[in-house]
Amino acid sequence: MDDIRLTPTSFVVLGLLEAAGEATPYDLKQTVAASIGNFWPIQHSQLYSEPARLARGGFADVEREETGRRRRTYRITDRGREALAAWRADVHPEPTELRDLGLLKLFLGADPAPLAAGQVKTHRAKLEEYEAMRAGVPEGVPPGMVIALEAGIAHEREWVRFWEELASERRGPASRSARGDRAG
């Protein structure tokens, strides 16, 4: 067993393996695309390399097909469950990471009105997607997954509100600070 440092991607893989019972890297990629990837993007290559790394560290077991595509199927081990439980129990808050191209463009001088109009469309579409997902949540989905989806809905509603407000202003954000309003 290698002594490895666990990362947020490690915990995503461990959590998904725990929920699924077993999964191939392709299964993990599909699950992330339909769930966690909406708020925690992960490169596909990491979802192929991380399970193998976790197996080397004793946090997952791997079984490889002998014939055919020789797919690898991973399962969380007791060591992986213990690490995941300890990580979940760590209540020390870390700062939120916010990577938003619209805000970056705004910060770097983009014209607010056309940028805001495009952002409103983008965030409305994502809000509709999340609301449709929420309406179709099957029975038995773990509560944390539903709560995270509800947080995504609230997040998108706020982005729609923010960008609609910015789109309706004639002078943009610079006029807000000149008036003494707080941007937020």
Protein backbone atom coordinates (compact mmCIF):
# COMPACT_ATOMS: atom_id res chain seq x y z
CA MET A 1 0.00 0.00 0.00
CA ASP A 2 1.26 3.42 -0.97
CA ASP A 3 0.92 6.30 1.48
CA ILE A 4 -1.13 8.78 -0.54
CA ARG A 5 -2.60 12.19 0.17
CA LEU A 6 -6.36 12.28 -0.25
CA THR A 7 -7.82 15.18 -2.23
CA PRO A 8 -11.38 16.37 -2.89
CA THR A 9 -11.35 14.18 -6.01
CA SER A 10 -10.37 11.22 -3.82
CA PHE A 11 -13.40 11.83 -1.63
CA VAL A 12 -15.69 12.21 -4.66
CA VAL A 13 -14.55 8.81 -5.94
CA LEU A 14 -14.81 7.20 -2.49
CA GLY A 15 -18.28 8.66 -1.94
CA LEU A 16 -19.52 7.51 -5.32
CA LEU A 17 -18.07 4.04 -4.80
CA GLU A 18 -19.78 3.88 -1.42
CA ALA A 19 -23.12 4.93 -2.93
CA ALA A 20 -22.90 2.61 -5.95
CA GLY A 21 -21.30 -0.38 -4.27
CA GLU A 22 -18.96 -0.74 -7.23
CA ALA A 23 -18.18 1.24 -10.36
CA THR A 24 -15.88 1.45 -13.34
CA PRO A 25 -14.16 4.76 -14.13
CA TYR A 26 -16.68 5.19 -16.96
CA ASP A 27 -19.54 4.75 -14.47
CA LEU A 28 -17.92 7.40 -12.25
CA LYS A 29 -17.62 9.78 -15.21
CA GLN A 30 -21.30 9.33 -16.06
CA THR A 31 -22.39 9.87 -12.47
CA VAL A 32 -20.26 12.98 -12.04
CA ALA A 33 -21.60 14.45 -15.28
CA ALA A 34 -25.18 14.05 -14.04
CA SER A 35 -24.60 15.23 -10.48
CA ILE A 36 -21.47 16.53 -8.77
CA GLY A 37 -20.06 17.97 -12.00
CA ASN A 38 -22.74 20.66 -11.81
CA PHE A 39 -21.00 22.21 -8.81
CA TRP A 40 -17.62 20.50 -8.56
CA PRO A 41 -16.06 20.00 -12.02
CA ILE A 42 -13.57 17.16 -12.31
CA GLN A 43 -11.47 16.36 -15.35
CA HIS A 44 -12.46 13.05 -16.89
CA SER A 45 -8.86 11.86 -16.81
CA GLN A 46 -8.90 12.17 -13.00
CA LEU A 47 -11.90 9.85 -12.81
CA TYR A 48 -9.84 7.24 -14.65
CA SER A 49 -6.61 7.68 -12.70
CA GLU A 50 -7.92 8.37 -9.18
CA PRO A 51 -9.57 4.97 -8.56
CA ALA A 52 -6.29 3.21 -9.41
CA ARG A 53 -4.41 5.56 -7.08
CA LEU A 54 -6.92 4.86 -4.30
CA ALA A 55 -6.51 1.12 -4.87
CA ARG A 56 -2.72 1.46 -4.53
CA GLY A 57 -3.33 3.22 -1.20
CA GLY A 58 -5.71 0.54 0.08
CA PHE A 59 -8.77 2.81 -0.02
CA ALA A 60 -10.41 0.80 -2.83
CA ASP A 61 -10.25 -2.69 -4.26
CA VAL A 62 -10.09 -3.38 -7.97
CA GLU A 63 -11.23 -6.31 -10.05
CA ARG A 64 -10.21 -6.53 -13.69
CA GLU A 65 -12.08 -8.50 -16.36
CA GLU A 66 -9.95 -11.30 -17.74
CA THR A 67 -11.37 -11.04 -21.26
CA GLY A 68 -13.12 -8.54 -23.46
CA ARG A 69 -12.49 -4.89 -22.69
CA ARG A 70 -10.66 -5.82 -19.46
CA ARG A 71 -12.58 -3.16 -17.56
CA ARG A 72 -11.62 -2.40 -14.01
CA THR A 73 -14.35 -2.31 -11.39
CA TYR A 74 -13.63 -0.61 -8.07
CA ARG A 75 -15.14 -1.00 -4.59
CA ILE A 76 -14.49 1.06 -1.49
CA THR A 77 -12.58 -0.75 1.28
CA ASP A 78 -12.95 -0.39 5.05
CA ARG A 79 -9.94 1.93 4.99
CA GLY A 80 -11.71 4.03 2.33
CA ARG A 81 -14.92 4.12 4.38
CA GLU A 82 -12.99 5.27 7.45
CA ALA A 83 -11.23 8.03 5.51
CA LEU A 84 -14.51 9.16 3.94
CA ALA A 85 -16.28 9.20 7.32
CA ALA A 86 -13.46 11.23 8.89
CA TRP A 87 -13.55 13.72 6.00
CA ARG A 88 -17.34 14.08 6.27
CA ALA A 89 -17.05 14.66 10.01
CA ASP A 90 -14.48 17.46 9.58
CA VAL A 91 -16.61 20.55 10.21
CA HIS A 92 -13.86 23.11 9.77
CA PRO A 93 -15.21 25.33 7.02
CA GLU A 94 -13.04 26.13 4.06
CA PRO A 95 -13.59 29.18 1.90
CA THR A 96 -15.95 28.75 -1.03
CA GLU A 97 -14.30 28.50 -4.41
CA LEU A 98 -16.03 30.59 -7.04
CA ARG A 99 -14.89 30.26 -10.64
CA ASP A 100 -17.30 32.16 -12.83
CA LEU A 101 -16.32 33.39 -16.29
CA GLY A 102 -19.07 36.01 -16.29
CA LEU A 103 -17.73 37.59 -13.12
CA LEU A 104 -14.19 37.37 -14.43
CA LYS A 105 -15.17 39.17 -17.64
CA LEU A 106 -17.11 41.77 -15.63
CA PHE A 107 -14.13 42.34 -13.34
CA LEU A 108 -11.83 42.75 -16.34
CA GLY A 109 -14.00 45.40 -17.98
CA ALA A 110 -16.63 43.65 -20.11
CA ASP A 111 -19.65 45.75 -21.04
CA PRO A 112 -22.16 44.76 -18.31
CA ALA A 113 -25.39 44.99 -20.31
CA PRO A 114 -24.69 42.45 -23.09
CA LEU A 115 -22.73 40.24 -20.69
CA ALA A 116 -25.63 40.26 -18.22
CA ALA A 117 -28.17 39.42 -20.92
CA GLY A 118 -26.17 36.33 -21.90
CA GLN A 119 -25.64 35.32 -18.29
CA VAL A 120 -29.37 35.57 -17.55
CA LYS A 121 -30.05 33.07 -20.36
CA THR A 122 -27.32 30.73 -19.16
CA HIS A 123 -28.44 30.76 -15.52
CA ARG A 124 -32.14 30.44 -16.37
CA ALA A 125 -31.35 27.36 -18.46
CA LYS A 126 -29.33 25.81 -15.63
CA LEU A 127 -32.10 26.67 -13.14
CA GLU A 128 -34.66 24.92 -15.36
CA GLU A 129 -32.37 21.89 -15.62
CA TYR A 130 -31.98 21.69 -11.83
CA GLU A 131 -35.70 22.15 -11.23
CA ALA A 132 -36.45 19.33 -13.68
CA MET A 133 -33.91 17.13 -11.90
CA ARG A 134 -35.56 17.94 -8.56
CA ALA A 135 -39.00 17.07 -9.91
CA GLY A 136 -37.70 13.69 -11.06
CA VAL A 137 -35.71 12.64 -8.00
CA PRO A 138 -36.58 8.99 -7.35
CA GLU A 139 -37.42 7.60 -3.94
CA GLY A 140 -34.44 6.45 -1.91
CA VAL A 141 -31.96 9.08 -3.10
CA PRO A 142 -29.74 10.00 -0.13
CA PRO A 143 -30.89 13.25 1.55
CA GLY A 144 -27.51 14.93 1.05
CA MET A 145 -27.83 14.61 -2.71
CA VAL A 146 -31.27 16.23 -2.65
CA ILE A 147 -30.06 19.02 -0.33
CA ALA A 148 -27.11 19.72 -2.66
CA LEU A 149 -29.53 19.92 -5.60
CA GLU A 150 -31.72 22.36 -3.66
CA ALA A 151 -28.61 24.46 -2.96
CA GLY A 152 -27.91 24.49 -6.70
CA ILE A 153 -31.45 25.69 -7.37
CA ALA A 154 -31.08 28.49 -4.80
CA HIS A 155 -27.68 29.41 -6.26
CA GLU A 156 -29.04 29.66 -9.80
CA ARG A 157 -32.05 31.69 -8.65
CA GLU A 158 -29.66 34.19 -7.07
CA TRP A 159 -27.50 34.36 -10.21
CA VAL A 160 -30.60 35.02 -12.31
CA ARG A 161 -31.62 37.78 -9.90
CA PHE A 162 -28.12 39.32 -9.91
CA TRP A 163 -27.69 39.30 -13.69
CA GLU A 164 -31.27 40.51 -14.35
CA GLU A 165 -30.64 43.43 -12.01
CA LEU A 166 -27.35 44.23 -13.73
CA ALA A 167 -28.98 43.95 -17.17
CA SER A 168 -31.65 46.46 -16.15
CA GLU A 169 -29.16 49.10 -14.93
CA ARG A 170 -28.18 51.67 -17.50
CA ARG A 171 -24.81 52.59 -16.06
CA GLY A 172 -23.59 49.21 -14.82
CA PRO A 173 -21.65 48.34 -11.66
CA ALA A 174 -19.43 51.44 -11.64
CA SER A 175 -22.51 53.58 -11.00
CA ARG A 176 -23.37 51.43 -7.98
CA SER A 177 -20.10 52.19 -6.22
CA ALA A 178 -20.41 55.85 -7.20
CA ARG A 179 -23.85 55.90 -5.52
CA GLY A 180 -22.41 54.25 -2.43
CA ASP A 181 -24.35 50.99 -2.91
CA ARG A 182 -22.64 47.79 -1.99
CA ALA A 183 -22.02 45.35 -4.81
CA GLY A 184 -22.96 41.88 -3.88
